[in-house]
Amino acid sequence: AAVIYRRNMSMPRLTPRKTPQQGRSRALVDAILEASRRLLVDVGFEQTTIAAIGRVAGVSPGSLYQYFPSKESVLTALHISVLEERVEYLAENLLEVRESPLEAVVELIAAVWMRLERDDGALLQTLEQISPVVGAEPKIEPAREKRRRLLESFLVTRTELDPDGASRRSLLTCATLDAAVKSLRLADPATLDDPAELARLAGVAMALIR
């Protein structure tokens, strides 16, 4: 059954109250985000409460509220973290194959999309459903845009590709691959490890990139 998220009459605060600077503070915030990730997957949005997050993270409510004023703020920070992890993973892999033939690089891009969808696609789908309801879109969009800009920067450095229209092609490629891997996961998650599906998806990506 579809999960319906109810919009509150007043939007919750989404910005963390305190930005972690020191290593110990960063570790505390990481523990909070990891706890919210586990709870969201295991018990869903409604039962992912501040109390439950604190309990799983081993953090007192007072410490948690120093950084996050609401559950929605925690989940927005988690959403941004997941998107940025994806960008970092794509960047690391593109760096490894930057001198490879275009076909090999495009196959790697398709493989990255499939791996990430396999690993956290369901979590990201839930976060994507939540973000417009809690008013988080303005904070989420820059993190989404980082991935598109990364792909665009790759396109303009490849001498065999026309740099004109790289922005449009990167946007279309991201959107198409997102939809394709989500469809695979919903139909049969095992297909995200299927070499035949990887070859098909790489072909789609190549057509879009060229």
Protein backbone atom coordinates (compact mmCIF):
# COMPACT_ATOMS: atom_id res chain seq x y z
CA ALA A 1 0.00 0.00 0.00
CA ALA A 2 1.17 3.48 -0.76
CA VAL A 3 2.45 5.52 2.15
CA ILE A 4 0.89 8.96 2.45
CA TYR A 5 2.87 11.71 4.15
CA ARG A 6 0.68 14.39 5.65
CA ARG A 7 1.75 17.99 5.30
CA ASN A 8 1.76 19.80 8.62
CA MET A 9 0.00 23.14 8.97
CA SER A 10 3.34 24.80 9.74
CA MET A 11 6.47 23.56 8.05
CA PRO A 12 9.11 22.11 10.42
CA ARG A 13 12.53 23.67 10.67
CA LEU A 14 14.94 21.86 8.39
CA THR A 15 18.30 23.54 8.92
CA PRO A 16 20.57 21.92 11.50
CA ARG A 17 20.95 24.23 14.47
CA LYS A 18 24.66 23.62 14.80
CA THR A 19 27.21 22.68 12.16
CA PRO A 20 29.66 20.05 13.40
CA GLN A 21 33.27 21.23 13.24
CA GLN A 22 35.34 18.88 15.37
CA GLY A 23 35.85 15.20 14.77
CA ARG A 24 33.78 14.15 17.78
CA SER A 25 30.86 16.32 16.70
CA ARG A 26 31.10 14.99 13.16
CA ALA A 27 31.03 11.43 14.48
CA LEU A 28 27.92 12.22 16.51
CA VAL A 29 26.11 13.61 13.48
CA ASP A 30 27.19 10.62 11.40
CA ALA A 31 25.75 8.30 14.07
CA ILE A 32 22.46 10.21 13.98
CA LEU A 33 22.26 9.99 10.19
CA GLU A 34 23.13 6.29 10.17
CA ALA A 35 20.45 5.59 12.79
CA SER A 36 17.85 7.49 10.76
CA ARG A 37 18.87 5.53 7.66
CA ARG A 38 18.40 2.20 9.44
CA LEU A 39 15.08 3.20 10.98
CA LEU A 40 13.65 4.59 7.77
CA VAL A 41 14.38 1.33 5.97
CA ASP A 42 13.27 -0.93 8.83
CA VAL A 43 10.19 0.80 10.26
CA GLY A 44 9.25 3.62 7.86
CA PHE A 45 8.69 7.35 8.14
CA GLU A 46 6.02 7.48 10.84
CA GLN A 47 7.98 5.37 13.33
CA THR A 48 11.28 7.08 12.63
CA THR A 49 10.90 9.47 15.53
CA ILE A 50 13.46 11.68 17.24
CA ALA A 51 13.29 9.38 20.28
CA ALA A 52 13.89 6.29 18.16
CA ILE A 53 16.78 7.95 16.28
CA GLY A 54 18.44 8.94 19.53
CA ARG A 55 17.99 5.47 20.98
CA VAL A 56 19.49 3.70 17.96
CA ALA A 57 22.32 6.23 17.66
CA GLY A 58 23.08 6.10 21.38
CA VAL A 59 22.64 9.87 21.60
CA SER A 60 20.73 11.76 24.26
CA PRO A 61 17.77 13.89 23.10
CA GLY A 62 19.57 16.99 24.31
CA SER A 63 22.64 16.26 22.19
CA LEU A 64 20.51 15.38 19.18
CA TYR A 65 18.54 18.62 19.41
CA GLN A 66 21.77 20.61 19.40
CA TYR A 67 22.17 19.65 15.78
CA PHE A 68 18.67 18.90 14.52
CA PRO A 69 15.48 20.71 15.56
CA SER A 70 13.14 18.05 14.15
CA LYS A 71 12.87 14.63 12.59
CA GLU A 72 12.36 16.31 9.23
CA SER A 73 15.67 18.13 9.66
CA VAL A 74 17.45 14.84 10.29
CA LEU A 75 15.89 13.22 7.22
CA THR A 76 16.73 16.21 5.04
CA ALA A 77 20.36 15.97 6.15
CA LEU A 78 20.26 12.22 5.44
CA HIS A 79 18.84 12.86 1.96
CA ILE A 80 21.62 15.31 1.16
CA SER A 81 24.20 12.88 2.55
CA VAL A 82 22.93 10.01 0.38
CA LEU A 83 22.99 12.17 -2.75
CA GLU A 84 26.50 13.43 -2.00
CA GLU A 85 27.72 9.89 -1.37
CA ARG A 86 26.45 9.00 -4.84
CA VAL A 87 28.30 11.90 -6.42
CA GLU A 88 31.53 10.94 -4.64
CA TYR A 89 31.20 7.32 -5.77
CA LEU A 90 30.62 8.35 -9.38
CA ALA A 91 33.55 10.80 -9.26
CA GLU A 92 35.91 8.18 -7.82
CA ASN A 93 35.01 5.69 -10.53
CA LEU A 94 35.23 8.21 -13.37
CA LEU A 95 38.69 9.18 -12.15
CA GLU A 96 39.82 5.57 -12.39
CA VAL A 97 38.80 5.26 -16.06
CA ARG A 98 39.42 8.80 -17.29
CA GLU A 99 41.90 7.58 -19.93
CA SER A 100 39.79 4.61 -21.06
CA PRO A 101 37.84 4.39 -24.33
CA LEU A 102 34.45 6.06 -24.28
CA GLU A 103 32.57 2.76 -24.44
CA ALA A 104 34.30 1.50 -21.28
CA VAL A 105 33.59 4.75 -19.44
CA VAL A 106 29.92 4.72 -20.39
CA GLU A 107 29.61 1.09 -19.29
CA LEU A 108 31.13 2.11 -15.96
CA ILE A 109 28.61 4.94 -15.61
CA ALA A 110 25.77 2.47 -16.17
CA ALA A 111 27.34 0.06 -13.67
CA VAL A 112 27.59 2.80 -11.04
CA TRP A 113 23.91 3.66 -11.50
CA MET A 114 22.93 0.00 -11.12
CA ARG A 115 25.12 -0.56 -8.05
CA LEU A 116 23.80 2.51 -6.26
CA GLU A 117 20.20 1.61 -7.03
CA ARG A 118 20.80 -1.89 -5.71
CA ASP A 119 22.40 -0.62 -2.51
CA ASP A 120 20.18 2.31 -1.53
CA GLY A 121 17.53 2.81 -4.19
CA ALA A 122 14.65 1.96 -1.85
CA LEU A 123 15.97 4.36 0.78
CA LEU A 124 16.37 7.17 -1.73
CA GLN A 125 12.89 6.55 -3.12
CA THR A 126 11.44 7.00 0.37
CA LEU A 127 13.46 10.17 0.93
CA GLU A 128 12.33 11.54 -2.44
CA GLN A 129 8.71 11.00 -1.39
CA ILE A 130 9.25 12.76 1.90
CA SER A 131 11.23 15.82 0.78
CA PRO A 132 8.45 17.78 -1.01
CA VAL A 133 6.04 17.09 1.83
CA VAL A 134 8.36 18.54 4.46
CA GLY A 135 9.46 21.44 2.27
CA ALA A 136 13.02 20.19 1.79
CA GLU A 137 13.27 20.57 -2.00
CA PRO A 138 15.24 23.88 -1.96
CA LYS A 139 17.90 22.19 0.16
CA ILE A 140 17.93 18.94 -1.81
CA GLU A 141 18.15 20.36 -5.33
CA PRO A 142 21.78 21.59 -5.10
CA ALA A 143 22.88 18.08 -4.10
CA ARG A 144 21.05 16.63 -7.10
CA GLU A 145 22.63 19.21 -9.37
CA LYS A 146 26.15 18.22 -8.32
CA ARG A 147 25.78 14.87 -10.05
CA ARG A 148 24.54 16.43 -13.29
CA ARG A 149 27.40 18.93 -13.26
CA LEU A 150 29.90 16.12 -12.68
CA LEU A 151 28.59 14.22 -15.70
CA GLU A 152 28.60 17.39 -17.78
CA SER A 153 32.24 18.08 -16.85
CA PHE A 154 33.10 14.58 -18.05
CA LEU A 155 31.33 15.12 -21.37
CA VAL A 156 33.13 18.35 -22.18
CA THR A 157 36.57 16.79 -21.55
CA ARG A 158 36.08 13.95 -24.03
CA THR A 159 37.53 14.99 -27.38
CA GLU A 160 35.34 12.51 -29.26
CA LEU A 161 32.18 14.24 -28.02
CA ASP A 162 30.70 17.56 -29.12
CA PRO A 163 30.85 19.90 -26.10
CA ASP A 164 27.80 21.80 -27.32
CA GLY A 165 24.68 20.62 -25.56
CA ALA A 166 26.63 18.83 -22.82
CA SER A 167 24.40 20.34 -20.14
CA ARG A 168 21.23 19.10 -21.82
CA ARG A 169 22.70 15.65 -22.52
CA SER A 170 23.90 15.24 -18.95
CA LEU A 171 20.48 16.18 -17.60
CA LEU A 172 18.73 13.75 -19.94
CA THR A 173 21.21 10.97 -19.18
CA CYS A 174 20.80 11.32 -15.42
CA ALA A 175 17.01 11.36 -15.64
CA THR A 176 16.86 8.40 -18.03
CA LEU A 177 19.27 6.24 -16.02
CA ASP A 178 17.45 7.09 -12.80
CA ALA A 179 14.15 5.95 -14.25
CA ALA A 180 15.66 2.83 -15.84
CA VAL A 181 17.38 1.50 -12.72
CA LYS A 182 14.40 2.26 -10.54
CA SER A 183 12.21 0.30 -12.93
CA LEU A 184 14.63 -2.64 -12.77
CA ARG A 185 14.65 -2.62 -8.97
CA LEU A 186 10.88 -2.50 -8.69
CA ALA A 187 10.43 -5.28 -11.24
CA ASP A 188 13.19 -7.58 -9.99
CA PRO A 189 16.14 -6.37 -7.86
CA ALA A 190 18.26 -9.27 -9.12
CA THR A 191 18.41 -7.64 -12.56
CA LEU A 192 20.62 -4.92 -11.09
CA ASP A 193 23.41 -7.53 -11.06
CA ASP A 194 22.65 -8.89 -14.53
CA PRO A 195 25.43 -8.31 -17.13
CA ALA A 196 22.84 -8.36 -19.93
CA GLU A 197 20.94 -5.51 -18.28
CA LEU A 198 24.20 -3.64 -17.79
CA ALA A 199 24.97 -3.95 -21.51
CA ARG A 200 21.47 -2.74 -22.40
CA LEU A 201 21.67 0.21 -20.02
CA ALA A 202 25.15 1.13 -21.28
CA GLY A 203 23.75 1.20 -24.81
CA VAL A 204 20.99 3.56 -23.72
CA ALA A 205 23.52 5.80 -21.99
CA MET A 206 25.82 5.85 -25.00
CA ALA A 207 22.97 6.93 -27.28
CA LEU A 208 22.12 9.78 -24.93
CA ILE A 209 25.69 10.90 -24.36
CA ARG A 210 26.58 10.97 -28.05
